[in-house]
Amino acid sequence: RAGEAGARASFAAYLDRLGRGVAHVVNILDPDVVVIGGGLSRVPELIGGLPAATAPHVFSDRFDTPIRESLHGDASGVRGAAWLWDAE
């Protein structure tokens, strides 16, 4: 965010690769929504830039699938583990 060139290049490469990965999921499963969880779901530049990084790689002339951050963000895994603890 401070504009350091190496960090910006790393983020751009990560965003491109994640966009390609999301495009594979969209191409195969055609989901109604893509939910990004974990700590990176709290990075607004990631959520905001992911649709544009995904669109060129989908097998369609348009990409309308919404990409959202997880409701519980980086705590989603912990919440799921807590639910499993009580399941038995």
PDB file of N, CA and C in Angstrom:
ATOM      1  N   ARG A   1       0.813  -1.206   0.000  1.00  0.00           N
ATOM      2  CA  ARG A   1       0.000   0.000   0.000  1.00  0.00           C
ATOM      3  C   ARG A   1       0.849   1.259   0.000  1.00  0.00           C
ATOM      4  N   ALA A   2       2.079   1.131   0.463  1.00  0.00           N
ATOM      5  CA  ALA A   2       2.972   2.291   0.505  1.00  0.00           C
ATOM      6  C   ALA A   2       3.633   2.527  -0.851  1.00  0.00           C
ATOM      7  N   GLY A   3       3.416   1.628  -1.798  1.00  0.00           N
ATOM      8  CA  GLY A   3       3.939   1.835  -3.138  1.00  0.00           C
ATOM      9  C   GLY A   3       5.281   1.187  -3.410  1.00  0.00           C
ATOM     10  N   GLU A   4       5.780   0.345  -2.510  1.00  0.00           N
ATOM     11  CA  GLU A   4       7.061  -0.312  -2.715  1.00  0.00           C
ATOM     12  C   GLU A   4       6.962  -1.229  -3.943  1.00  0.00           C
ATOM     13  N   ALA A   5       7.873  -1.048  -4.873  1.00  0.00           N
ATOM     14  CA  ALA A   5       7.779  -1.704  -6.184  1.00  0.00           C
ATOM     15  C   ALA A   5       7.761  -3.231  -6.090  1.00  0.00           C
ATOM     16  N   GLY A   6       8.609  -3.807  -5.272  1.00  0.00           N
ATOM     17  CA  GLY A   6       8.650  -5.264  -5.146  1.00  0.00           C
ATOM     18  C   GLY A   6       7.362  -5.828  -4.576  1.00  0.00           C
ATOM     19  N   ALA A   7       6.825  -5.153  -3.580  1.00  0.00           N
ATOM     20  CA  ALA A   7       5.565  -5.603  -2.977  1.00  0.00           C
ATOM     21  C   ALA A   7       4.425  -5.505  -3.982  1.00  0.00           C
ATOM     22  N   ARG A   8       4.399  -4.434  -4.753  1.00  0.00           N
ATOM     23  CA  ARG A   8       3.347  -4.270  -5.762  1.00  0.00           C
ATOM     24  C   ARG A   8       3.450  -5.345  -6.837  1.00  0.00           C
ATOM     25  N   ALA A   9       4.662  -5.669  -7.234  1.00  0.00           N
ATOM     26  CA  ALA A   9       4.857  -6.713  -8.248  1.00  0.00           C
ATOM     27  C   ALA A   9       4.435  -8.074  -7.702  1.00  0.00           C
ATOM     28  N   SER A  10       4.775  -8.363  -6.451  1.00  0.00           N
ATOM     29  CA  SER A  10       4.370  -9.640  -5.843  1.00  0.00           C
ATOM     30  C   SER A  10       2.864  -9.746  -5.743  1.00  0.00           C
ATOM     31  N   PHE A  11       2.216  -8.647  -5.333  1.00  0.00           N
ATOM     32  CA  PHE A  11       0.762  -8.660  -5.223  1.00  0.00           C
ATOM     33  C   PHE A  11       0.116  -8.837  -6.591  1.00  0.00           C
ATOM     34  N   ALA A  12       0.647  -8.160  -7.609  1.00  0.00           N
ATOM     35  CA  ALA A  12       0.093  -8.300  -8.964  1.00  0.00           C
ATOM     36  C   ALA A  12       0.226  -9.735  -9.461  1.00  0.00           C
ATOM     37  N   ALA A  13       1.357 -10.372  -9.201  1.00  0.00           N
ATOM     38  CA  ALA A  13       1.548 -11.766  -9.615  1.00  0.00           C
ATOM     39  C   ALA A  13       0.586 -12.680  -8.867  1.00  0.00           C
ATOM     40  N   TYR A  14       0.433 -12.444  -7.568  1.00  0.00           N
ATOM     41  CA  TYR A  14      -0.492 -13.258  -6.771  1.00  0.00           C
ATOM     42  C   TYR A  14      -1.925 -13.099  -7.277  1.00  0.00           C
ATOM     43  N   LEU A  15      -2.325 -11.860  -7.526  1.00  0.00           N
ATOM     44  CA  LEU A  15      -3.682 -11.589  -8.000  1.00  0.00           C
ATOM     45  C   LEU A  15      -3.925 -12.256  -9.350  1.00  0.00           C
ATOM     46  N   ASP A  16      -2.941 -12.216 -10.236  1.00  0.00           N
ATOM     47  CA  ASP A  16      -3.079 -12.870 -11.539  1.00  0.00           C
ATOM     48  C   ASP A  16      -3.248 -14.378 -11.377  1.00  0.00           C
ATOM     49  N   ARG A  17      -2.440 -14.990 -10.545  1.00  0.00           N
ATOM     50  CA  ARG A  17      -2.524 -16.442 -10.356  1.00  0.00           C
ATOM     51  C   ARG A  17      -3.817 -16.849  -9.659  1.00  0.00           C
ATOM     52  N   LEU A  18      -4.233 -16.070  -8.677  1.00  0.00           N
ATOM     53  CA  LEU A  18      -5.496 -16.361  -8.010  1.00  0.00           C
ATOM     54  C   LEU A  18      -6.659 -16.200  -8.983  1.00  0.00           C
ATOM     55  N   GLY A  19      -6.621 -15.175  -9.823  1.00  0.00           N
ATOM     56  CA  GLY A  19      -7.657 -14.984 -10.833  1.00  0.00           C
ATOM     57  C   GLY A  19      -7.749 -16.157 -11.786  1.00  0.00           C
ATOM     58  N   ARG A  20      -6.610 -16.692 -12.183  1.00  0.00           N
ATOM     59  CA  ARG A  20      -6.599 -17.869 -13.054  1.00  0.00           C
ATOM     60  C   ARG A  20      -7.203 -19.080 -12.342  1.00  0.00           C
ATOM     61  N   GLY A  21      -6.873 -19.240 -11.059  1.00  0.00           N
ATOM     62  CA  GLY A  21      -7.423 -20.352 -10.282  1.00  0.00           C
ATOM     63  C   GLY A  21      -8.932 -20.240 -10.107  1.00  0.00           C
ATOM     64  N   VAL A  22      -9.397 -19.044  -9.808  1.00  0.00           N
ATOM     65  CA  VAL A  22     -10.838 -18.827  -9.664  1.00  0.00           C
ATOM     66  C   VAL A  22     -11.530 -19.080 -10.998  1.00  0.00           C
ATOM     67  N   ALA A  23     -10.903 -18.687 -12.087  1.00  0.00           N
ATOM     68  CA  ALA A  23     -11.494 -18.926 -13.411  1.00  0.00           C
ATOM     69  C   ALA A  23     -11.666 -20.418 -13.675  1.00  0.00           C
ATOM     70  N   HIS A  24     -10.708 -21.226 -13.255  1.00  0.00           N
ATOM     71  CA  HIS A  24     -10.855 -22.679 -13.420  1.00  0.00           C
ATOM     72  C   HIS A  24     -12.076 -23.180 -12.663  1.00  0.00           C
ATOM     73  N   VAL A  25     -12.261 -22.708 -11.438  1.00  0.00           N
ATOM     74  CA  VAL A  25     -13.423 -23.119 -10.642  1.00  0.00           C
ATOM     75  C   VAL A  25     -14.704 -22.685 -11.339  1.00  0.00           C
ATOM     76  N   VAL A  26     -14.734 -21.460 -11.820  1.00  0.00           N
ATOM     77  CA  VAL A  26     -15.922 -20.939 -12.505  1.00  0.00           C
ATOM     78  C   VAL A  26     -16.192 -21.738 -13.779  1.00  0.00           C
ATOM     79  N   ASN A  27     -15.157 -22.034 -14.529  1.00  0.00           N
ATOM     80  CA  ASN A  27     -15.328 -22.785 -15.776  1.00  0.00           C
ATOM     81  C   ASN A  27     -15.848 -24.198 -15.546  1.00  0.00           C
ATOM     82  N   ILE A  28     -15.420 -24.817 -14.469  1.00  0.00           N
ATOM     83  CA  ILE A  28     -15.804 -26.207 -14.204  1.00  0.00           C
ATOM     84  C   ILE A  28     -17.134 -26.305 -13.464  1.00  0.00           C
ATOM     85  N   LEU A  29     -17.320 -25.481 -12.425  1.00  0.00           N
ATOM     86  CA  LEU A  29     -18.480 -25.629 -11.547  1.00  0.00           C
ATOM     87  C   LEU A  29     -19.597 -24.605 -11.775  1.00  0.00           C
ATOM     88  N   ASP A  30     -19.303 -23.498 -12.413  1.00  0.00           N
ATOM     89  CA  ASP A  30     -20.271 -22.426 -12.636  1.00  0.00           C
ATOM     90  C   ASP A  30     -21.001 -22.050 -11.333  1.00  0.00           C
ATOM     91  N   PRO A  31     -20.266 -21.615 -10.310  1.00  0.00           N
ATOM     92  CA  PRO A  31     -20.905 -21.303  -9.023  1.00  0.00           C
ATOM     93  C   PRO A  31     -21.744 -20.034  -9.103  1.00  0.00           C
ATOM     94  N   ASP A  32     -22.681 -19.898  -8.170  1.00  0.00           N
ATOM     95  CA  ASP A  32     -23.493 -18.682  -8.080  1.00  0.00           C
ATOM     96  C   ASP A  32     -22.708 -17.538  -7.458  1.00  0.00           C
ATOM     97  N   VAL A  33     -21.738 -17.882  -6.615  1.00  0.00           N
ATOM     98  CA  VAL A  33     -20.901 -16.879  -5.957  1.00  0.00           C
ATOM     99  C   VAL A  33     -19.572 -17.546  -5.600  1.00  0.00           C
ATOM    100  N   VAL A  34     -18.504 -16.762  -5.575  1.00  0.00           N
ATOM    101  CA  VAL A  34     -17.203 -17.219  -5.118  1.00  0.00           C
ATOM    102  C   VAL A  34     -16.934 -16.500  -3.799  1.00  0.00           C
ATOM    103  N   VAL A  35     -16.652 -17.279  -2.750  1.00  0.00           N
ATOM    104  CA  VAL A  35     -16.393 -16.709  -1.423  1.00  0.00           C
ATOM    105  C   VAL A  35     -14.925 -16.898  -1.096  1.00  0.00           C
ATOM    106  N   ILE A  36     -14.251 -15.803  -0.781  1.00  0.00           N
ATOM    107  CA  ILE A  36     -12.845 -15.822  -0.411  1.00  0.00           C
ATOM    108  C   ILE A  36     -12.761 -15.730   1.109  1.00  0.00           C
ATOM    109  N   GLY A  37     -12.087 -16.679   1.731  1.00  0.00           N
ATOM    110  CA  GLY A  37     -11.956 -16.692   3.183  1.00  0.00           C
ATOM    111  C   GLY A  37     -10.509 -16.564   3.600  1.00  0.00           C
ATOM    112  N   GLY A  38     -10.258 -16.727   4.874  1.00  0.00           N
ATOM    113  CA  GLY A  38      -8.914 -16.645   5.407  1.00  0.00           C
ATOM    114  C   GLY A  38      -8.463 -15.204   5.585  1.00  0.00           C
ATOM    115  N   GLY A  39      -7.241 -15.047   5.987  1.00  0.00           N
ATOM    116  CA  GLY A  39      -6.700 -13.720   6.272  1.00  0.00           C
ATOM    117  C   GLY A  39      -6.692 -12.795   5.066  1.00  0.00           C
ATOM    118  N   LEU A  40      -6.480 -13.346   3.880  1.00  0.00           N
ATOM    119  CA  LEU A  40      -6.446 -12.499   2.694  1.00  0.00           C
ATOM    120  C   LEU A  40      -7.817 -11.962   2.310  1.00  0.00           C
ATOM    121  N   SER A  41      -8.876 -12.515   2.888  1.00  0.00           N
ATOM    122  CA  SER A  41     -10.204 -11.981   2.594  1.00  0.00           C
ATOM    123  C   SER A  41     -10.378 -10.583   3.187  1.00  0.00           C
ATOM    124  N   ARG A  42      -9.485 -10.206   4.062  1.00  0.00           N
ATOM    125  CA  ARG A  42      -9.534  -8.881   4.684  1.00  0.00           C
ATOM    126  C   ARG A  42      -8.713  -7.843   3.914  1.00  0.00           C
ATOM    127  N   VAL A  43      -8.209  -8.215   2.742  1.00  0.00           N
ATOM    128  CA  VAL A  43      -7.441  -7.292   1.912  1.00  0.00           C
ATOM    129  C   VAL A  43      -8.374  -6.748   0.836  1.00  0.00           C
ATOM    130  N   PRO A  44      -8.857  -5.518   0.989  1.00  0.00           N
ATOM    131  CA  PRO A  44      -9.848  -4.999   0.036  1.00  0.00           C
ATOM    132  C   PRO A  44      -9.344  -4.947  -1.401  1.00  0.00           C
ATOM    133  N   GLU A  45      -8.050  -4.732  -1.596  1.00  0.00           N
ATOM    134  CA  GLU A  45      -7.503  -4.694  -2.954  1.00  0.00           C
ATOM    135  C   GLU A  45      -7.604  -6.056  -3.633  1.00  0.00           C
ATOM    136  N   LEU A  46      -7.552  -7.108  -2.843  1.00  0.00           N
ATOM    137  CA  LEU A  46      -7.672  -8.458  -3.399  1.00  0.00           C
ATOM    138  C   LEU A  46      -9.103  -8.717  -3.855  1.00  0.00           C
ATOM    139  N   ILE A  47     -10.051  -8.474  -2.986  1.00  0.00           N
ATOM    140  CA  ILE A  47     -11.461  -8.695  -3.325  1.00  0.00           C
ATOM    141  C   ILE A  47     -11.875  -7.776  -4.469  1.00  0.00           C
ATOM    142  N   GLY A  48     -11.418  -6.542  -4.438  1.00  0.00           N
ATOM    143  CA  GLY A  48     -11.777  -5.584  -5.487  1.00  0.00           C
ATOM    144  C   GLY A  48     -11.146  -5.880  -6.835  1.00  0.00           C
ATOM    145  N   GLY A  49      -9.913  -6.415  -6.835  1.00  0.00           N
ATOM    146  CA  GLY A  49      -9.207  -6.662  -8.085  1.00  0.00           C
ATOM    147  C   GLY A  49      -9.429  -8.036  -8.678  1.00  0.00           C
ATOM    148  N   LEU A  50      -9.987  -8.937  -7.898  1.00  0.00           N
ATOM    149  CA  LEU A  50     -10.129 -10.321  -8.355  1.00  0.00           C
ATOM    150  C   LEU A  50     -11.085 -10.498  -9.535  1.00  0.00           C
ATOM    151  N   PRO A  51     -12.215  -9.817  -9.594  1.00  0.00           N
ATOM    152  CA  PRO A  51     -13.065  -9.996 -10.786  1.00  0.00           C
ATOM    153  C   PRO A  51     -12.349  -9.650 -12.095  1.00  0.00           C
ATOM    154  N   ALA A  52     -11.607  -8.568 -12.111  1.00  0.00           N
ATOM    155  CA  ALA A  52     -10.889  -8.182 -13.331  1.00  0.00           C
ATOM    156  C   ALA A  52      -9.759  -9.163 -13.644  1.00  0.00           C
ATOM    157  N   ALA A  53      -9.158  -9.766 -12.623  1.00  0.00           N
ATOM    158  CA  ALA A  53      -8.099 -10.745 -12.840  1.00  0.00           C
ATOM    159  C   ALA A  53      -8.663 -12.086 -13.297  1.00  0.00           C
ATOM    160  N   THR A  54      -9.920 -12.359 -12.981  1.00  0.00           N
ATOM    161  CA  THR A  54     -10.557 -13.622 -13.332  1.00  0.00           C
ATOM    162  C   THR A  54     -11.179 -13.572 -14.723  1.00  0.00           C
ATOM    163  N   ALA A  55     -11.804 -12.473 -15.059  1.00  0.00           N
ATOM    164  CA  ALA A  55     -12.593 -12.343 -16.289  1.00  0.00           C
ATOM    165  C   ALA A  55     -11.881 -12.783 -17.568  1.00  0.00           C
ATOM    166  N   PRO A  56     -10.621 -12.435 -17.787  1.00  0.00           N
ATOM    167  CA  PRO A  56      -9.993 -12.845 -19.054  1.00  0.00           C
ATOM    168  C   PRO A  56      -9.802 -14.350 -19.210  1.00  0.00           C
ATOM    169  N   HIS A  57      -9.967 -15.096 -18.133  1.00  0.00           N
ATOM    170  CA  HIS A  57      -9.660 -16.523 -18.168  1.00  0.00           C
ATOM    171  C   HIS A  57     -10.895 -17.420 -18.117  1.00  0.00           C
ATOM    172  N   VAL A  58     -12.088 -16.846 -18.081  1.00  0.00           N
ATOM    173  CA  VAL A  58     -13.295 -17.674 -18.095  1.00  0.00           C
ATOM    174  C   VAL A  58     -13.697 -17.959 -19.536  1.00  0.00           C
ATOM    175  N   PHE A  59     -14.368 -19.087 -19.728  1.00  0.00           N
ATOM    176  CA  PHE A  59     -14.786 -19.500 -21.066  1.00  0.00           C
ATOM    177  C   PHE A  59     -16.125 -18.869 -21.429  1.00  0.00           C
ATOM    178  N   SER A  60     -16.184 -17.589 -21.375  1.00  0.00           N
ATOM    179  CA  SER A  60     -17.401 -16.859 -21.700  1.00  0.00           C
ATOM    180  C   SER A  60     -17.001 -15.456 -22.126  1.00  0.00           C
ATOM    181  N   ASP A  61     -17.903 -14.778 -22.792  1.00  0.00           N
ATOM    182  CA  ASP A  61     -17.593 -13.411 -23.191  1.00  0.00           C
ATOM    183  C   ASP A  61     -17.867 -12.408 -22.072  1.00  0.00           C
ATOM    184  N   ARG A  62     -18.426 -12.893 -20.948  1.00  0.00           N
ATOM    185  CA  ARG A  62     -18.645 -12.022 -19.785  1.00  0.00           C
ATOM    186  C   ARG A  62     -18.506 -12.830 -18.503  1.00  0.00           C
ATOM    187  N   PHE A  63     -18.174 -12.122 -17.438  1.00  0.00           N
ATOM    188  CA  PHE A  63     -17.981 -12.754 -16.132  1.00  0.00           C
ATOM    189  C   PHE A  63     -18.826 -11.988 -15.124  1.00  0.00           C
ATOM    190  N   ASP A  64     -19.919 -12.612 -14.676  1.00  0.00           N
ATOM    191  CA  ASP A  64     -20.860 -11.962 -13.765  1.00  0.00           C
ATOM    192  C   ASP A  64     -20.890 -12.574 -12.370  1.00  0.00           C
ATOM    193  N   THR A  65     -20.124 -13.630 -12.141  1.00  0.00           N
ATOM    194  CA  THR A  65     -20.157 -14.306 -10.844  1.00  0.00           C
ATOM    195  C   THR A  65     -19.622 -13.374  -9.760  1.00  0.00           C
ATOM    196  N   PRO A  66     -20.422 -13.090  -8.732  1.00  0.00           N
ATOM    197  CA  PRO A  66     -19.928 -12.206  -7.677  1.00  0.00           C
ATOM    198  C   PRO A  66     -18.816 -12.864  -6.864  1.00  0.00           C
ATOM    199  N   ILE A  67     -17.846 -12.068  -6.468  1.00  0.00           N
ATOM    200  CA  ILE A  67     -16.773 -12.523  -5.591  1.00  0.00           C
ATOM    201  C   ILE A  67     -16.916 -11.749  -4.293  1.00  0.00           C
ATOM    202  N   ARG A  68     -17.081 -12.477  -3.202  1.00  0.00           N
ATOM    203  CA  ARG A  68     -17.344 -11.864  -1.898  1.00  0.00           C
ATOM    204  C   ARG A  68     -16.332 -12.353  -0.876  1.00  0.00           C
ATOM    205  N   GLU A  69     -16.124 -11.560   0.137  1.00  0.00           N
ATOM    206  CA  GLU A  69     -15.307 -12.018   1.258  1.00  0.00           C
ATOM    207  C   GLU A  69     -16.183 -12.812   2.203  1.00  0.00           C
ATOM    208  N   SER A  70     -15.582 -13.759   2.883  1.00  0.00           N
ATOM    209  CA  SER A  70     -16.306 -14.583   3.839  1.00  0.00           C
ATOM    210  C   SER A  70     -16.914 -13.712   4.929  1.00  0.00           C
ATOM    211  N   LEU A  71     -18.110 -14.062   5.340  1.00  0.00           N
ATOM    212  CA  LEU A  71     -18.800 -13.307   6.378  1.00  0.00           C
ATOM    213  C   LEU A  71     -17.977 -13.208   7.655  1.00  0.00           C
ATOM    214  N   HIS A  72     -17.270 -14.285   7.988  1.00  0.00           N
ATOM    215  CA  HIS A  72     -16.485 -14.307   9.218  1.00  0.00           C
ATOM    216  C   HIS A  72     -14.986 -14.168   8.957  1.00  0.00           C
ATOM    217  N   GLY A  73     -14.619 -13.854   7.718  1.00  0.00           N
ATOM    218  CA  GLY A  73     -13.234 -13.559   7.380  1.00  0.00           C
ATOM    219  C   GLY A  73     -12.260 -14.639   7.786  1.00  0.00           C
ATOM    220  N   ASP A  74     -11.202 -14.225   8.453  1.00  0.00           N
ATOM    221  CA  ASP A  74     -10.151 -15.163   8.813  1.00  0.00           C
ATOM    222  C   ASP A  74     -10.522 -16.058   9.989  1.00  0.00           C
ATOM    223  N   ALA A  75     -11.694 -15.839  10.595  1.00  0.00           N
ATOM    224  CA  ALA A  75     -12.138 -16.679  11.711  1.00  0.00           C
ATOM    225  C   ALA A  75     -13.025 -17.835  11.254  1.00  0.00           C
ATOM    226  N   SER A  76     -13.285 -17.963   9.966  1.00  0.00           N
ATOM    227  CA  SER A  76     -14.193 -18.992   9.467  1.00  0.00           C
ATOM    228  C   SER A  76     -13.709 -20.400   9.798  1.00  0.00           C
ATOM    229  N   GLY A  77     -12.419 -20.669   9.625  1.00  0.00           N
ATOM    230  CA  GLY A  77     -11.891 -21.996   9.927  1.00  0.00           C
ATOM    231  C   GLY A  77     -12.013 -22.339  11.397  1.00  0.00           C
ATOM    232  N   VAL A  78     -11.753 -21.379  12.250  1.00  0.00           N
ATOM    233  CA  VAL A  78     -11.867 -21.601  13.692  1.00  0.00           C
ATOM    234  C   VAL A  78     -13.316 -21.859  14.070  1.00  0.00           C
ATOM    235  N   ARG A  79     -14.223 -21.125  13.478  1.00  0.00           N
ATOM    236  CA  ARG A  79     -15.648 -21.321  13.762  1.00  0.00           C
ATOM    237  C   ARG A  79     -16.092 -22.720  13.333  1.00  0.00           C
ATOM    238  N   GLY A  80     -15.639 -23.169  12.157  1.00  0.00           N
ATOM    239  CA  GLY A  80     -15.996 -24.505  11.689  1.00  0.00           C
ATOM    240  C   GLY A  80     -15.432 -25.582  12.590  1.00  0.00           C
ATOM    241  N   ALA A  81     -14.201 -25.399  13.047  1.00  0.00           N
ATOM    242  CA  ALA A  81     -13.601 -26.371  13.961  1.00  0.00           C
ATOM    243  C   ALA A  81     -14.370 -26.428  15.275  1.00  0.00           C
ATOM    244  N   ALA A  82     -14.810 -25.289  15.752  1.00  0.00           N
ATOM    245  CA  ALA A  82     -15.588 -25.248  17.003  1.00  0.00           C
ATOM    246  C   ALA A  82     -16.917 -25.988  16.827  1.00  0.00           C
ATOM    247  N   TRP A  83     -17.536 -25.865  15.694  1.00  0.00           N
ATOM    248  CA  TRP A  83     -18.794 -26.577  15.434  1.00  0.00           C
ATOM    249  C   TRP A  83     -18.555 -28.092  15.403  1.00  0.00           C
ATOM    250  N   LEU A  84     -17.430 -28.505  14.814  1.00  0.00           N
ATOM    251  CA  LEU A  84     -17.122 -29.934  14.775  1.00  0.00           C
ATOM    252  C   LEU A  84     -16.876 -30.504  16.159  1.00  0.00           C
ATOM    253  N   TRP A  85     -16.314 -29.723  17.043  1.00  0.00           N
ATOM    254  CA  TRP A  85     -16.044 -30.174  18.404  1.00  0.00           C
ATOM    255  C   TRP A  85     -17.337 -30.592  19.100  1.00  0.00           C
ATOM    256  N   ASP A  86     -18.386 -29.835  18.855  1.00  0.00           N
ATOM    257  CA  ASP A  86     -19.668 -30.081  19.515  1.00  0.00           C
ATOM    258  C   ASP A  86     -20.490 -31.137  18.787  1.00  0.00           C
ATOM    259  N   ALA A  87     -20.080 -31.527  17.584  1.00  0.00           N
ATOM    260  CA  ALA A  87     -20.876 -32.433  16.765  1.00  0.00           C
ATOM    261  C   ALA A  87     -20.906 -33.858  17.300  1.00  0.00           C
ATOM    262  N   GLU A  88     -19.941 -34.245  18.078  1.00  0.00           N
ATOM    263  CA  GLU A  88     -19.900 -35.634  18.558  1.00  0.00           C
ATOM    264  C   GLU A  88     -20.515 -35.709  19.869  1.00  0.00           C
TER     265      GLU A  88
END
